[in-house]
Amino acid sequence: MLRSHALSLLAAAALLACNGNTPQSVSGENGGTPVAKIGSETITQAELDAWIKDELWRSQTEDGNAAKVFSLRQRGLSRMIDQRLIDAEAERRHLDPDALLDQEAAKRVAVTDEEVKAFYEQHAAEWGDRKLETEAAGIRDYLARTKGTEAAQAFV
């Protein structure tokens, strides 16, 4: 039974991780956010984070392996620095951080007709009988998403 609850909590944590919260909101300001209810008892995000943090640390560092700890800290520090730079630039421009990233990505994601045609031709074997005209919108969307991801990474 306890194992079942632990697995449920880990599943809830995974769902929370997918909801786009920033590190600040996961660990602090939204700590009272309900994530589950058992009868009249509510489990908050802060309680869930406290419950799983040691297990996550052990799994991510292979029980404290120095190289894994260094790597985890390095990635975490890099993401923290990126986020703080984005926050500072967004504040300077009087924008929300997400709006800043959207604005910067939009500048870099324009997809030309030539790029769509080149992609279509590079993958000609995959299209079979389907024509460029019928596939162009999907190709354009794919290329824009790819460029958007690259633009966000380049921005930070």
N, C-alpha and C. Protein backbone atom coordinates (compact mmCIF):
# COMPACT_ATOMS: atom_id res chain seq x y z
N MET A 1 0.83 -1.19 0.00
CA MET A 1 0.00 0.00 0.00
C MET A 1 0.87 1.25 0.00
N LEU A 2 1.91 1.29 0.86
CA LEU A 2 2.80 2.44 0.92
C LEU A 2 3.52 2.61 -0.41
N ARG A 3 3.94 1.50 -0.99
CA ARG A 3 4.61 1.55 -2.30
C ARG A 3 3.68 2.14 -3.36
N SER A 4 2.42 1.76 -3.30
CA SER A 4 1.43 2.28 -4.24
C SER A 4 1.28 3.79 -4.10
N HIS A 5 1.25 4.28 -2.86
CA HIS A 5 1.16 5.73 -2.63
C HIS A 5 2.42 6.43 -3.12
N ALA A 6 3.58 5.81 -2.87
CA ALA A 6 4.84 6.41 -3.32
C ALA A 6 4.87 6.52 -4.84
N LEU A 7 4.40 5.46 -5.51
CA LEU A 7 4.37 5.50 -6.97
C LEU A 7 3.39 6.56 -7.46
N SER A 8 2.27 6.71 -6.78
CA SER A 8 1.30 7.75 -7.14
C SER A 8 1.91 9.13 -6.98
N LEU A 9 2.65 9.31 -5.90
CA LEU A 9 3.29 10.60 -5.66
C LEU A 9 4.36 10.89 -6.72
N LEU A 10 5.11 9.87 -7.09
CA LEU A 10 6.11 10.07 -8.14
C LEU A 10 5.43 10.42 -9.46
N ALA A 11 4.31 9.80 -9.75
CA ALA A 11 3.57 10.12 -10.96
C ALA A 11 3.07 11.56 -10.91
N ALA A 12 2.59 11.97 -9.75
CA ALA A 12 2.15 13.36 -9.60
C ALA A 12 3.31 14.31 -9.79
N ALA A 13 4.48 13.95 -9.27
CA ALA A 13 5.66 14.79 -9.44
C ALA A 13 6.03 14.91 -10.91
N ALA A 14 5.92 13.81 -11.64
CA ALA A 14 6.23 13.86 -13.07
C ALA A 14 5.26 14.78 -13.79
N LEU A 15 3.99 14.71 -13.43
CA LEU A 15 3.01 15.60 -14.04
C LEU A 15 3.31 17.05 -13.70
N LEU A 16 3.70 17.30 -12.47
CA LEU A 16 4.05 18.67 -12.08
C LEU A 16 5.25 19.15 -12.86
N ALA A 17 6.21 18.29 -13.07
CA ALA A 17 7.41 18.68 -13.80
C ALA A 17 7.08 19.04 -15.23
N CYS A 18 6.01 18.49 -15.78
CA CYS A 18 5.63 18.75 -17.16
C CYS A 18 4.77 20.00 -17.32
N ASN A 19 4.38 20.63 -16.22
CA ASN A 19 3.44 21.74 -16.37
C ASN A 19 4.09 23.07 -16.62
N GLY A 20 5.42 23.10 -16.79
CA GLY A 20 6.08 24.34 -17.17
C GLY A 20 6.42 25.26 -16.02
N ASN A 21 6.29 24.81 -14.77
CA ASN A 21 6.65 25.67 -13.65
C ASN A 21 8.13 25.98 -13.69
N THR A 22 8.48 27.19 -13.29
CA THR A 22 9.87 27.54 -13.15
C THR A 22 10.38 26.97 -11.85
N PRO A 23 11.71 26.87 -11.67
CA PRO A 23 12.22 26.34 -10.42
C PRO A 23 11.73 27.13 -9.21
N GLN A 24 11.54 28.45 -9.35
CA GLN A 24 11.09 29.23 -8.22
C GLN A 24 9.70 28.82 -7.78
N SER A 25 8.80 28.59 -8.74
CA SER A 25 7.43 28.28 -8.35
C SER A 25 7.32 26.86 -7.82
N VAL A 26 8.18 25.95 -8.27
CA VAL A 26 8.12 24.59 -7.77
C VAL A 26 8.56 24.54 -6.32
N SER A 27 9.58 25.29 -5.96
CA SER A 27 10.12 25.17 -4.63
C SER A 27 9.61 26.20 -3.65
N GLY A 28 8.93 27.23 -4.10
CA GLY A 28 8.61 28.27 -3.16
C GLY A 28 7.20 28.81 -3.23
N GLU A 29 7.00 29.77 -4.09
CA GLU A 29 5.80 30.58 -4.03
C GLU A 29 4.51 29.79 -4.21
N ASN A 30 4.51 28.67 -4.93
CA ASN A 30 3.29 27.89 -5.12
C ASN A 30 3.31 26.63 -4.26
N GLY A 31 4.10 26.61 -3.20
CA GLY A 31 4.24 25.43 -2.36
C GLY A 31 2.94 24.96 -1.76
N GLY A 32 1.96 25.85 -1.59
CA GLY A 32 0.68 25.47 -1.02
C GLY A 32 -0.30 24.96 -2.06
N THR A 33 0.12 24.85 -3.29
CA THR A 33 -0.76 24.38 -4.37
C THR A 33 -1.13 22.92 -4.14
N PRO A 34 -2.41 22.62 -4.10
CA PRO A 34 -2.83 21.22 -3.91
C PRO A 34 -2.48 20.38 -5.12
N VAL A 35 -1.96 19.17 -4.88
CA VAL A 35 -1.65 18.26 -5.98
C VAL A 35 -2.45 16.96 -5.87
N ALA A 36 -2.99 16.68 -4.69
CA ALA A 36 -3.81 15.48 -4.51
C ALA A 36 -4.68 15.67 -3.28
N LYS A 37 -5.77 14.92 -3.26
CA LYS A 37 -6.67 14.97 -2.12
C LYS A 37 -7.06 13.54 -1.77
N ILE A 38 -6.90 13.19 -0.50
CA ILE A 38 -7.27 11.87 -0.02
C ILE A 38 -8.31 12.09 1.08
N GLY A 39 -9.55 11.85 0.76
CA GLY A 39 -10.61 12.16 1.71
C GLY A 39 -10.62 13.66 1.95
N SER A 40 -10.47 14.05 3.20
CA SER A 40 -10.45 15.47 3.53
C SER A 40 -9.03 16.02 3.62
N GLU A 41 -8.02 15.16 3.44
CA GLU A 41 -6.62 15.58 3.54
C GLU A 41 -6.09 15.99 2.17
N THR A 42 -5.41 17.15 2.15
CA THR A 42 -4.84 17.66 0.91
C THR A 42 -3.32 17.53 0.96
N ILE A 43 -2.75 17.07 -0.13
CA ILE A 43 -1.29 17.02 -0.27
C ILE A 43 -0.89 18.20 -1.12
N THR A 44 0.04 19.01 -0.59
CA THR A 44 0.48 20.19 -1.32
C THR A 44 1.73 19.90 -2.12
N GLN A 45 2.01 20.79 -3.03
CA GLN A 45 3.21 20.67 -3.86
C GLN A 45 4.46 20.69 -2.98
N ALA A 46 4.48 21.53 -1.97
CA ALA A 46 5.64 21.61 -1.07
C ALA A 46 5.85 20.29 -0.34
N GLU A 47 4.76 19.67 0.12
CA GLU A 47 4.88 18.38 0.80
C GLU A 47 5.41 17.32 -0.16
N LEU A 48 4.91 17.32 -1.37
CA LEU A 48 5.36 16.36 -2.38
C LEU A 48 6.84 16.56 -2.69
N ASP A 49 7.25 17.82 -2.89
CA ASP A 49 8.66 18.10 -3.18
C ASP A 49 9.56 17.62 -2.05
N ALA A 50 9.16 17.87 -0.81
CA ALA A 50 9.96 17.43 0.34
C ALA A 50 10.02 15.91 0.39
N TRP A 51 8.91 15.24 0.06
CA TRP A 51 8.83 13.79 0.12
C TRP A 51 9.78 13.13 -0.89
N ILE A 52 9.88 13.70 -2.09
CA ILE A 52 10.64 13.05 -3.17
C ILE A 52 12.06 13.57 -3.33
N LYS A 53 12.42 14.67 -2.70
CA LYS A 53 13.72 15.29 -3.00
C LYS A 53 14.90 14.38 -2.73
N ASP A 54 14.90 13.66 -1.61
CA ASP A 54 16.04 12.77 -1.31
C ASP A 54 16.15 11.64 -2.32
N GLU A 55 15.00 11.07 -2.69
CA GLU A 55 15.01 9.99 -3.67
C GLU A 55 15.49 10.49 -5.04
N LEU A 56 15.04 11.68 -5.43
CA LEU A 56 15.48 12.24 -6.71
C LEU A 56 16.98 12.52 -6.68
N TRP A 57 17.46 13.06 -5.58
CA TRP A 57 18.89 13.34 -5.45
C TRP A 57 19.70 12.04 -5.59
N ARG A 58 19.28 10.99 -4.89
CA ARG A 58 20.00 9.72 -4.97
C ARG A 58 19.99 9.16 -6.38
N SER A 59 18.84 9.22 -7.04
CA SER A 59 18.75 8.64 -8.38
C SER A 59 19.55 9.47 -9.39
N GLN A 60 19.55 10.79 -9.24
CA GLN A 60 20.26 11.64 -10.19
C GLN A 60 21.77 11.65 -9.96
N THR A 61 22.21 11.31 -8.76
CA THR A 61 23.64 11.34 -8.45
C THR A 61 24.22 9.96 -8.22
N GLU A 62 23.41 8.93 -8.46
CA GLU A 62 23.84 7.55 -8.21
C GLU A 62 24.42 7.43 -6.80
N ASP A 63 23.62 7.84 -5.83
CA ASP A 63 23.98 7.80 -4.40
C ASP A 63 25.21 8.62 -4.08
N GLY A 64 25.30 9.79 -4.68
CA GLY A 64 26.37 10.72 -4.31
C GLY A 64 27.66 10.58 -5.08
N ASN A 65 27.66 9.88 -6.20
CA ASN A 65 28.84 9.76 -7.04
C ASN A 65 29.34 11.17 -7.38
N ALA A 66 30.60 11.43 -7.06
CA ALA A 66 31.15 12.79 -7.19
C ALA A 66 31.01 13.35 -8.60
N ALA A 67 31.28 12.55 -9.60
CA ALA A 67 31.18 13.02 -10.99
C ALA A 67 29.72 13.35 -11.33
N LYS A 68 28.78 12.52 -10.88
CA LYS A 68 27.36 12.77 -11.15
C LYS A 68 26.87 14.01 -10.40
N VAL A 69 27.33 14.19 -9.16
CA VAL A 69 26.96 15.37 -8.39
C VAL A 69 27.47 16.62 -9.10
N PHE A 70 28.73 16.58 -9.54
CA PHE A 70 29.31 17.72 -10.26
C PHE A 70 28.51 18.03 -11.51
N SER A 71 28.19 16.99 -12.29
CA SER A 71 27.44 17.17 -13.53
C SER A 71 26.05 17.74 -13.26
N LEU A 72 25.37 17.20 -12.25
CA LEU A 72 24.04 17.69 -11.90
C LEU A 72 24.09 19.14 -11.47
N ARG A 73 25.06 19.47 -10.64
CA ARG A 73 25.20 20.85 -10.18
C ARG A 73 25.56 21.78 -11.34
N GLN A 74 26.42 21.32 -12.22
CA GLN A 74 26.82 22.14 -13.37
C GLN A 74 25.62 22.44 -14.26
N ARG A 75 24.82 21.43 -14.56
CA ARG A 75 23.61 21.64 -15.37
C ARG A 75 22.63 22.56 -14.66
N GLY A 76 22.46 22.33 -13.36
CA GLY A 76 21.56 23.17 -12.58
C GLY A 76 22.02 24.62 -12.55
N LEU A 77 23.32 24.83 -12.35
CA LEU A 77 23.86 26.18 -12.31
C LEU A 77 23.70 26.86 -13.67
N SER A 78 23.95 26.13 -14.73
CA SER A 78 23.80 26.68 -16.07
C SER A 78 22.36 27.13 -16.31
N ARG A 79 21.40 26.28 -15.91
CA ARG A 79 19.99 26.64 -16.09
C ARG A 79 19.60 27.83 -15.21
N MET A 80 20.14 27.88 -13.99
CA MET A 80 19.84 29.02 -13.10
C MET A 80 20.37 30.32 -13.70
N ILE A 81 21.60 30.28 -14.20
CA ILE A 81 22.20 31.47 -14.81
C ILE A 81 21.38 31.90 -16.02
N ASP A 82 21.04 30.94 -16.89
CA ASP A 82 20.21 31.25 -18.06
C ASP A 82 18.91 31.93 -17.65
N GLN A 83 18.24 31.35 -16.65
CA GLN A 83 16.96 31.90 -16.22
C GLN A 83 17.11 33.30 -15.65
N ARG A 84 18.16 33.52 -14.87
CA ARG A 84 18.35 34.85 -14.29
C ARG A 84 18.70 35.88 -15.36
N LEU A 85 19.46 35.48 -16.37
CA LEU A 85 19.76 36.40 -17.47
C LEU A 85 18.49 36.74 -18.25
N ILE A 86 17.67 35.72 -18.49
CA ILE A 86 16.40 35.95 -19.18
C ILE A 86 15.51 36.87 -18.36
N ASP A 87 15.42 36.60 -17.06
CA ASP A 87 14.59 37.43 -16.18
C ASP A 87 15.08 38.88 -16.19
N ALA A 88 16.40 39.08 -16.13
CA ALA A 88 16.96 40.44 -16.11
C ALA A 88 16.67 41.16 -17.43
N GLU A 89 16.84 40.46 -18.55
CA GLU A 89 16.58 41.07 -19.85
C GLU A 89 15.09 41.37 -20.02
N ALA A 90 14.25 40.46 -19.56
CA ALA A 90 12.81 40.69 -19.63
C ALA A 90 12.42 41.91 -18.80
N GLU A 91 12.99 42.03 -17.62
CA GLU A 91 12.70 43.20 -16.78
C GLU A 91 13.17 44.48 -17.46
N ARG A 92 14.35 44.43 -18.07
CA ARG A 92 14.89 45.60 -18.77
C ARG A 92 13.96 46.04 -19.90
N ARG A 93 13.35 45.07 -20.57
CA ARG A 93 12.45 45.36 -21.70
C ARG A 93 10.99 45.51 -21.26
N HIS A 94 10.75 45.39 -19.98
CA HIS A 94 9.38 45.48 -19.43
C HIS A 94 8.47 44.41 -20.02
N LEU A 95 8.99 43.19 -20.07
CA LEU A 95 8.24 42.04 -20.59
C LEU A 95 8.23 40.91 -19.58
N ASP A 96 7.30 40.02 -19.75
CA ASP A 96 7.29 38.76 -19.03
C ASP A 96 8.39 37.89 -19.65
N PRO A 97 9.11 37.06 -18.86
CA PRO A 97 10.16 36.21 -19.45
C PRO A 97 9.68 35.34 -20.61
N ASP A 98 8.48 34.77 -20.50
CA ASP A 98 7.95 33.95 -21.60
C ASP A 98 7.70 34.80 -22.84
N ALA A 99 7.19 36.01 -22.64
CA ALA A 99 6.96 36.91 -23.78
C ALA A 99 8.27 37.28 -24.45
N LEU A 100 9.31 37.49 -23.65
CA LEU A 100 10.64 37.80 -24.20
C LEU A 100 11.12 36.64 -25.08
N LEU A 101 11.03 35.42 -24.57
CA LEU A 101 11.48 34.27 -25.35
C LEU A 101 10.66 34.10 -26.62
N ASP A 102 9.35 34.31 -26.51
CA ASP A 102 8.49 34.22 -27.70
C ASP A 102 8.89 35.27 -28.73
N GLN A 103 9.14 36.49 -28.26
CA GLN A 103 9.53 37.59 -29.14
C GLN A 103 10.85 37.29 -29.85
N GLU A 104 11.83 36.82 -29.09
CA GLU A 104 13.13 36.52 -29.67
C GLU A 104 13.06 35.34 -30.63
N ALA A 105 12.26 34.34 -30.28
CA ALA A 105 12.11 33.18 -31.16
C ALA A 105 11.44 33.58 -32.46
N ALA A 106 10.44 34.45 -32.38
CA ALA A 106 9.72 34.89 -33.58
C ALA A 106 10.65 35.58 -34.56
N LYS A 107 11.65 36.29 -34.04
CA LYS A 107 12.61 36.97 -34.91
C LYS A 107 13.46 35.97 -35.68
N ARG A 108 13.63 34.80 -35.12
CA ARG A 108 14.57 33.83 -35.68
C ARG A 108 13.92 32.64 -36.38
N VAL A 109 12.61 32.57 -36.39
CA VAL A 109 11.97 31.35 -36.90
C VAL A 109 11.27 31.50 -38.25
N ALA A 110 11.45 32.60 -38.91
CA ALA A 110 10.83 32.74 -40.23
C ALA A 110 11.33 31.62 -41.15
N VAL A 111 10.41 30.94 -41.77
CA VAL A 111 10.75 29.83 -42.67
C VAL A 111 10.40 30.26 -44.09
N THR A 112 11.39 30.22 -44.96
CA THR A 112 11.17 30.64 -46.34
C THR A 112 10.61 29.49 -47.18
N ASP A 113 10.02 29.85 -48.31
CA ASP A 113 9.51 28.84 -49.24
C ASP A 113 10.66 27.97 -49.74
N GLU A 114 11.84 28.57 -49.90
CA GLU A 114 13.00 27.81 -50.37
C GLU A 114 13.41 26.75 -49.35
N GLU A 115 13.32 27.07 -48.05
CA GLU A 115 13.65 26.10 -47.01
C GLU A 115 12.65 24.95 -47.01
N VAL A 116 11.38 25.26 -47.20
CA VAL A 116 10.35 24.23 -47.25
C VAL A 116 10.61 23.31 -48.44
N LYS A 117 10.90 23.90 -49.59
CA LYS A 117 11.15 23.10 -50.80
C LYS A 117 12.40 22.24 -50.63
N ALA A 118 13.46 22.82 -50.05
CA ALA A 118 14.70 22.06 -49.83
C ALA A 118 14.45 20.88 -48.90
N PHE A 119 13.70 21.09 -47.82
CA PHE A 119 13.39 20.01 -46.88
C PHE A 119 12.58 18.92 -47.59
N TYR A 120 11.60 19.33 -48.38
CA TYR A 120 10.77 18.38 -49.12
C TYR A 120 11.64 17.53 -50.05
N GLU A 121 12.54 18.19 -50.76
CA GLU A 121 13.41 17.47 -51.70
C GLU A 121 14.40 16.56 -50.98
N GLN A 122 14.92 17.00 -49.83
CA GLN A 122 15.86 16.17 -49.06
C GLN A 122 15.21 14.90 -48.54
N HIS A 123 13.91 14.95 -48.35
CA HIS A 123 13.19 13.81 -47.80
C HIS A 123 12.19 13.24 -48.82
N ALA A 124 12.53 13.36 -50.07
CA ALA A 124 11.62 12.97 -51.16
C ALA A 124 11.15 11.53 -51.03
N ALA A 125 12.00 10.63 -50.61
CA ALA A 125 11.64 9.22 -50.52
C ALA A 125 10.52 8.99 -49.50
N GLU A 126 10.43 9.85 -48.50
CA GLU A 126 9.43 9.69 -47.45
C GLU A 126 8.03 10.14 -47.88
N TRP A 127 7.94 10.96 -48.92
CA TRP A 127 6.66 11.55 -49.28
C TRP A 127 5.81 10.66 -50.17
N GLY A 128 6.42 9.73 -50.86
CA GLY A 128 5.66 8.87 -51.77
C GLY A 128 5.00 9.71 -52.86
N ASP A 129 3.69 9.57 -53.01
CA ASP A 129 2.94 10.30 -54.03
C ASP A 129 2.48 11.68 -53.57
N ARG A 130 2.73 12.02 -52.31
CA ARG A 130 2.25 13.30 -51.79
C ARG A 130 3.06 14.46 -52.36
N LYS A 131 2.37 15.48 -52.77
CA LYS A 131 2.98 16.65 -53.41
C LYS A 131 3.42 17.68 -52.38
N LEU A 132 4.37 18.52 -52.80
CA LEU A 132 4.87 19.60 -51.95
C LEU A 132 3.72 20.49 -51.48
N GLU A 133 2.80 20.78 -52.36
CA GLU A 133 1.69 21.69 -52.03
C GLU A 133 0.86 21.16 -50.86
N THR A 134 0.69 19.84 -50.77
CA THR A 134 -0.12 19.27 -49.69
C THR A 134 0.68 19.13 -48.39
N GLU A 135 1.99 19.08 -48.48
CA GLU A 135 2.84 18.88 -47.30
C GLU A 135 3.51 20.16 -46.81
N ALA A 136 3.44 21.23 -47.56
CA ALA A 136 4.18 22.46 -47.25
C ALA A 136 3.85 23.03 -45.87
N ALA A 137 2.57 23.06 -45.50
CA ALA A 137 2.18 23.64 -44.21
C ALA A 137 2.79 22.85 -43.05
N GLY A 138 2.74 21.53 -43.12
CA GLY A 138 3.32 20.69 -42.07
C GLY A 138 4.83 20.84 -42.00
N ILE A 139 5.47 20.90 -43.16
CA ILE A 139 6.93 21.09 -43.19
C ILE A 139 7.29 22.44 -42.59
N ARG A 140 6.54 23.48 -42.95
CA ARG A 140 6.79 24.83 -42.43
C ARG A 140 6.67 24.84 -40.90
N ASP A 141 5.62 24.20 -40.38
CA ASP A 141 5.44 24.12 -38.93
C ASP A 141 6.60 23.40 -38.26
N TYR A 142 7.00 22.28 -38.84
CA TYR A 142 8.13 21.52 -38.28
C TYR A 142 9.40 22.36 -38.27
N LEU A 143 9.70 22.99 -39.39
CA LEU A 143 10.92 23.81 -39.46
C LEU A 143 10.86 25.00 -38.50
N ALA A 144 9.70 25.59 -38.34
CA ALA A 144 9.55 26.72 -37.41
C ALA A 144 9.77 26.26 -35.97
N ARG A 145 9.21 25.10 -35.60
CA ARG A 145 9.43 24.57 -34.24
C ARG A 145 10.90 24.28 -34.01
N THR A 146 11.56 23.68 -35.00
CA THR A 146 12.98 23.36 -34.88
C THR A 146 13.79 24.64 -34.73
N LYS A 147 13.50 25.63 -35.56
CA LYS A 147 14.21 26.91 -35.46
C LYS A 147 13.91 27.60 -34.13
N GLY A 148 12.68 27.47 -33.65
CA GLY A 148 12.30 28.08 -32.38
C GLY A 148 13.10 27.51 -31.23
N THR A 149 13.27 26.21 -31.21
CA THR A 149 14.07 25.56 -30.18
C THR A 149 15.51 26.02 -30.27
N GLU A 150 16.05 26.04 -31.47
CA GLU A 150 17.43 26.49 -31.66
C GLU A 150 17.58 27.96 -31.27
N ALA A 151 16.58 28.78 -31.58
CA ALA A 151 16.64 30.21 -31.26
C ALA A 151 16.62 30.43 -29.75
N ALA A 152 15.79 29.67 -29.05
CA ALA A 152 15.74 29.80 -27.59
C ALA A 152 17.07 29.42 -26.98
N GLN A 153 17.68 28.35 -27.48
CA GLN A 153 18.98 27.93 -26.97
C GLN A 153 20.06 28.96 -27.31
N ALA A 154 19.99 29.53 -28.49
CA ALA A 154 20.98 30.53 -28.90
C ALA A 154 20.83 31.81 -28.10
N PHE A 155 19.59 32.16 -27.73
CA PHE A 155 19.33 33.39 -27.01
C PHE A 155 19.99 33.37 -25.64
N VAL A 156 19.95 32.23 -24.99
CA VAL A 156 20.57 32.14 -23.66
C VAL A 156 22.00 31.71 -23.82
